[in-house]
């Protein structure tokens, strides 16, 4: 079991990093195993949180393109990355584009780039890549 302390300040319009850090350090001091402030995106905010709660691990939500790569997050000291609903939204985006192409133009071009069945089977099996 991992007890994660969450400070959702940035999700509810309280975007003061000092308040986020105050809450996360209180959770760390109270015994939280991992700290999480969904909504923080700026590198300096992420670094400040990591430094404030070290050596506890920090989780960061990255659910849209924004200039931060996995390697960047690792370099900042992030130990866990969540993507929220981003993978589902990406899949639904592909679905909508393909459905519109079929409905509006009567062509199946929207299926180009779809994963072959064999690749899906392999991906969801124990034989990774």
C-alpha atoms as a PDB file:
ATOM      1  CA  UNK A   1       0.000   0.000   0.000  1.00  0.00           C
ATOM      2  CA  UNK A   2       1.218   3.487  -0.857  1.00  0.00           C
ATOM      3  CA  UNK A   3      -0.252   6.434   0.986  1.00  0.00           C
ATOM      4  CA  UNK A   4      -0.210   9.424  -1.363  1.00  0.00           C
ATOM      5  CA  UNK A   5      -0.633  12.933   0.002  1.00  0.00           C
ATOM      6  CA  UNK A   6      -2.407  15.142  -2.568  1.00  0.00           C
ATOM      7  CA  UNK A   7      -2.522  18.915  -2.680  1.00  0.00           C
ATOM      8  CA  UNK A   8      -5.068  19.799  -5.340  1.00  0.00           C
ATOM      9  CA  UNK A   9      -4.600  23.545  -5.045  1.00  0.00           C
ATOM     10  CA  UNK A  10      -3.821  24.081  -8.739  1.00  0.00           C
ATOM     11  CA  UNK A  11      -6.958  22.155  -9.742  1.00  0.00           C
ATOM     12  CA  UNK A  12      -9.228  24.479  -7.775  1.00  0.00           C
ATOM     13  CA  UNK A  13      -7.694  27.823  -8.684  1.00  0.00           C
ATOM     14  CA  UNK A  14      -5.282  28.173  -5.742  1.00  0.00           C
ATOM     15  CA  UNK A  15      -2.090  28.399  -7.750  1.00  0.00           C
ATOM     16  CA  UNK A  16       0.224  29.563  -4.972  1.00  0.00           C
ATOM     17  CA  UNK A  17       3.167  27.158  -4.954  1.00  0.00           C
ATOM     18  CA  UNK A  18       3.943  28.068  -1.332  1.00  0.00           C
ATOM     19  CA  UNK A  19       0.540  26.717  -0.261  1.00  0.00           C
ATOM     20  CA  UNK A  20       1.101  23.523  -2.258  1.00  0.00           C
ATOM     21  CA  UNK A  21       4.481  23.049  -0.588  1.00  0.00           C
ATOM     22  CA  UNK A  22       3.047  23.778   2.863  1.00  0.00           C
ATOM     23  CA  UNK A  23       0.417  21.088   2.415  1.00  0.00           C
ATOM     24  CA  UNK A  24       2.736  18.508   0.863  1.00  0.00           C
ATOM     25  CA  UNK A  25       5.395  18.904   3.540  1.00  0.00           C
ATOM     26  CA  UNK A  26       2.684  18.485   6.196  1.00  0.00           C
ATOM     27  CA  UNK A  27       1.576  15.247   4.479  1.00  0.00           C
ATOM     28  CA  UNK A  28       5.189  14.066   4.248  1.00  0.00           C
ATOM     29  CA  UNK A  29       5.738  14.833   7.940  1.00  0.00           C
ATOM     30  CA  UNK A  30       2.527  12.941   8.766  1.00  0.00           C
ATOM     31  CA  UNK A  31       3.842   9.823   6.997  1.00  0.00           C
ATOM     32  CA  UNK A  32       2.677  10.011   3.384  1.00  0.00           C
ATOM     33  CA  UNK A  33       4.751   7.697   1.184  1.00  0.00           C
ATOM     34  CA  UNK A  34       4.420   9.764  -2.010  1.00  0.00           C
ATOM     35  CA  UNK A  35       3.453  13.384  -2.647  1.00  0.00           C
ATOM     36  CA  UNK A  36       1.277  14.610  -5.499  1.00  0.00           C
ATOM     37  CA  UNK A  37       0.128  18.044  -6.627  1.00  0.00           C
ATOM     38  CA  UNK A  38      -1.875  17.547  -9.820  1.00  0.00           C
ATOM     39  CA  UNK A  39      -1.833  20.620 -11.992  1.00  0.00           C
ATOM     40  CA  UNK A  40       1.719  21.802 -11.385  1.00  0.00           C
ATOM     41  CA  UNK A  41       3.458  22.159 -14.752  1.00  0.00           C
ATOM     42  CA  UNK A  42       6.266  24.663 -14.417  1.00  0.00           C
ATOM     43  CA  UNK A  43       9.712  23.192 -13.983  1.00  0.00           C
ATOM     44  CA  UNK A  44      10.568  25.536 -11.111  1.00  0.00           C
ATOM     45  CA  UNK A  45       7.378  24.563  -9.263  1.00  0.00           C
ATOM     46  CA  UNK A  46       8.103  20.867  -9.744  1.00  0.00           C
ATOM     47  CA  UNK A  47      11.694  21.306  -8.572  1.00  0.00           C
ATOM     48  CA  UNK A  48      10.538  23.312  -5.550  1.00  0.00           C
ATOM     49  CA  UNK A  49       8.090  20.581  -4.510  1.00  0.00           C
ATOM     50  CA  UNK A  50      10.714  17.850  -4.955  1.00  0.00           C
ATOM     51  CA  UNK A  51      13.261  19.782  -2.909  1.00  0.00           C
ATOM     52  CA  UNK A  52      10.728  20.540  -0.175  1.00  0.00           C
ATOM     53  CA  UNK A  53       9.666  16.929   0.433  1.00  0.00           C
ATOM     54  CA  UNK A  54      12.941  15.117  -0.311  1.00  0.00           C
ATOM     55  CA  UNK A  55      13.685  12.286   0.042  1.00  0.00           C
ATOM     56  CA  UNK A  56      10.010  11.359  -0.385  1.00  0.00           C
ATOM     57  CA  UNK A  57       9.008  10.571  -3.991  1.00  0.00           C
ATOM     58  CA  UNK A  58       6.886  13.025  -5.968  1.00  0.00           C
ATOM     59  CA  UNK A  59       4.240  12.131  -8.533  1.00  0.00           C
ATOM     60  CA  UNK A  60       3.562  14.555 -11.413  1.00  0.00           C
ATOM     61  CA  UNK A  61       0.553  14.549 -13.723  1.00  0.00           C
ATOM     62  CA  UNK A  62       1.525  15.010 -17.385  1.00  0.00           C
ATOM     63  CA  UNK A  63      -1.581  14.640 -19.514  1.00  0.00           C
ATOM     64  CA  UNK A  64      -0.922  16.975 -22.442  1.00  0.00           C
ATOM     65  CA  UNK A  65       2.018  18.146 -24.516  1.00  0.00           C
ATOM     66  CA  UNK A  66       3.744  20.935 -22.706  1.00  0.00           C
ATOM     67  CA  UNK A  67       7.440  20.715 -23.229  1.00  0.00           C
ATOM     68  CA  UNK A  68       8.202  18.255 -20.426  1.00  0.00           C
ATOM     69  CA  UNK A  69       9.416  14.793 -21.443  1.00  0.00           C
ATOM     70  CA  UNK A  70       9.826  11.723 -19.269  1.00  0.00           C
ATOM     71  CA  UNK A  71      13.577  12.337 -19.294  1.00  0.00           C
ATOM     72  CA  UNK A  72      12.995  15.964 -18.224  1.00  0.00           C
ATOM     73  CA  UNK A  73      10.755  14.811 -15.378  1.00  0.00           C
ATOM     74  CA  UNK A  74      13.351  12.275 -14.298  1.00  0.00           C
ATOM     75  CA  UNK A  75      16.041  14.945 -14.442  1.00  0.00           C
ATOM     76  CA  UNK A  76      13.993  17.141 -12.119  1.00  0.00           C
ATOM     77  CA  UNK A  77      13.722  14.253  -9.662  1.00  0.00           C
ATOM     78  CA  UNK A  78      10.168  13.127 -10.393  1.00  0.00           C
ATOM     79  CA  UNK A  79       9.787   9.509  -9.303  1.00  0.00           C
ATOM     80  CA  UNK A  80       6.291   8.774 -10.625  1.00  0.00           C
ATOM     81  CA  UNK A  81       4.332  10.140 -13.586  1.00  0.00           C
ATOM     82  CA  UNK A  82       0.566   9.881 -14.023  1.00  0.00           C
ATOM     83  CA  UNK A  83      -1.165  10.556 -17.329  1.00  0.00           C
ATOM     84  CA  UNK A  84      -4.717  10.778 -16.030  1.00  0.00           C
ATOM     85  CA  UNK A  85      -7.232  10.230 -18.828  1.00  0.00           C
ATOM     86  CA  UNK A  86      -4.809  11.287 -21.576  1.00  0.00           C
ATOM     87  CA  UNK A  87      -4.445   7.839 -23.147  1.00  0.00           C
ATOM     88  CA  UNK A  88      -8.225   7.448 -23.304  1.00  0.00           C
ATOM     89  CA  UNK A  89      -8.613  10.951 -24.771  1.00  0.00           C
ATOM     90  CA  UNK A  90      -5.960  10.151 -27.387  1.00  0.00           C
ATOM     91  CA  UNK A  91      -7.833   6.970 -28.332  1.00  0.00           C
ATOM     92  CA  UNK A  92     -11.159   8.826 -28.504  1.00  0.00           C
ATOM     93  CA  UNK A  93      -9.531  11.504 -30.651  1.00  0.00           C
ATOM     94  CA  UNK A  94      -8.456   8.846 -33.151  1.00  0.00           C
ATOM     95  CA  UNK A  95     -11.920   7.314 -33.042  1.00  0.00           C
ATOM     96  CA  UNK A  96     -13.609  10.671 -33.721  1.00  0.00           C
ATOM     97  CA  UNK A  97     -11.240  11.518 -36.594  1.00  0.00           C
ATOM     98  CA  UNK A  98     -11.825   8.118 -38.248  1.00  0.00           C
ATOM     99  CA  UNK A  99     -15.606   8.277 -37.725  1.00  0.00           C
ATOM    100  CA  UNK A 100     -15.809  11.794 -39.189  1.00  0.00           C
ATOM    101  CA  UNK A 101     -13.774  10.747 -42.234  1.00  0.00           C
ATOM    102  CA  UNK A 102     -16.143   7.842 -42.849  1.00  0.00           C
ATOM    103  CA  UNK A 103     -19.330   9.828 -42.175  1.00  0.00           C
ATOM    104  CA  UNK A 104     -18.352  12.977 -44.061  1.00  0.00           C
ATOM    105  CA  UNK A 105     -16.325  11.573 -46.962  1.00  0.00           C
ATOM    106  CA  UNK A 106     -17.394   7.935 -47.150  1.00  0.00           C
ATOM    107  CA  UNK A 107     -13.779   6.743 -47.085  1.00  0.00           C
ATOM    108  CA  UNK A 108     -11.862   4.525 -44.702  1.00  0.00           C
ATOM    109  CA  UNK A 109      -8.672   6.622 -44.705  1.00  0.00           C
ATOM    110  CA  UNK A 110      -9.173   7.362 -41.021  1.00  0.00           C
ATOM    111  CA  UNK A 111      -8.187   3.772 -40.283  1.00  0.00           C
ATOM    112  CA  UNK A 112      -4.652   4.361 -41.593  1.00  0.00           C
ATOM    113  CA  UNK A 113      -2.187   3.971 -38.770  1.00  0.00           C
ATOM    114  CA  UNK A 114      -4.501   1.720 -36.773  1.00  0.00           C
ATOM    115  CA  UNK A 115      -2.635  -0.906 -34.756  1.00  0.00           C
ATOM    116  CA  UNK A 116      -2.664  -4.337 -36.424  1.00  0.00           C
ATOM    117  CA  UNK A 117      -4.378  -7.099 -34.436  1.00  0.00           C
ATOM    118  CA  UNK A 118      -1.096  -8.959 -33.958  1.00  0.00           C
ATOM    119  CA  UNK A 119       0.561  -5.883 -32.488  1.00  0.00           C
ATOM    120  CA  UNK A 120      -2.337  -5.390 -30.072  1.00  0.00           C
ATOM    121  CA  UNK A 121      -2.180  -9.049 -29.007  1.00  0.00           C
ATOM    122  CA  UNK A 122       1.551  -8.803 -28.410  1.00  0.00           C
ATOM    123  CA  UNK A 123       1.253  -5.510 -26.528  1.00  0.00           C
ATOM    124  CA  UNK A 124      -1.360  -6.893 -24.133  1.00  0.00           C
ATOM    125  CA  UNK A 125       0.440 -10.212 -23.640  1.00  0.00           C
ATOM    126  CA  UNK A 126       3.414 -10.950 -21.458  1.00  0.00           C
ATOM    127  CA  UNK A 127       5.710 -10.740 -24.529  1.00  0.00           C
ATOM    128  CA  UNK A 128       6.354  -7.010 -24.460  1.00  0.00           C
ATOM    129  CA  UNK A 129       7.665  -5.568 -27.740  1.00  0.00           C
END
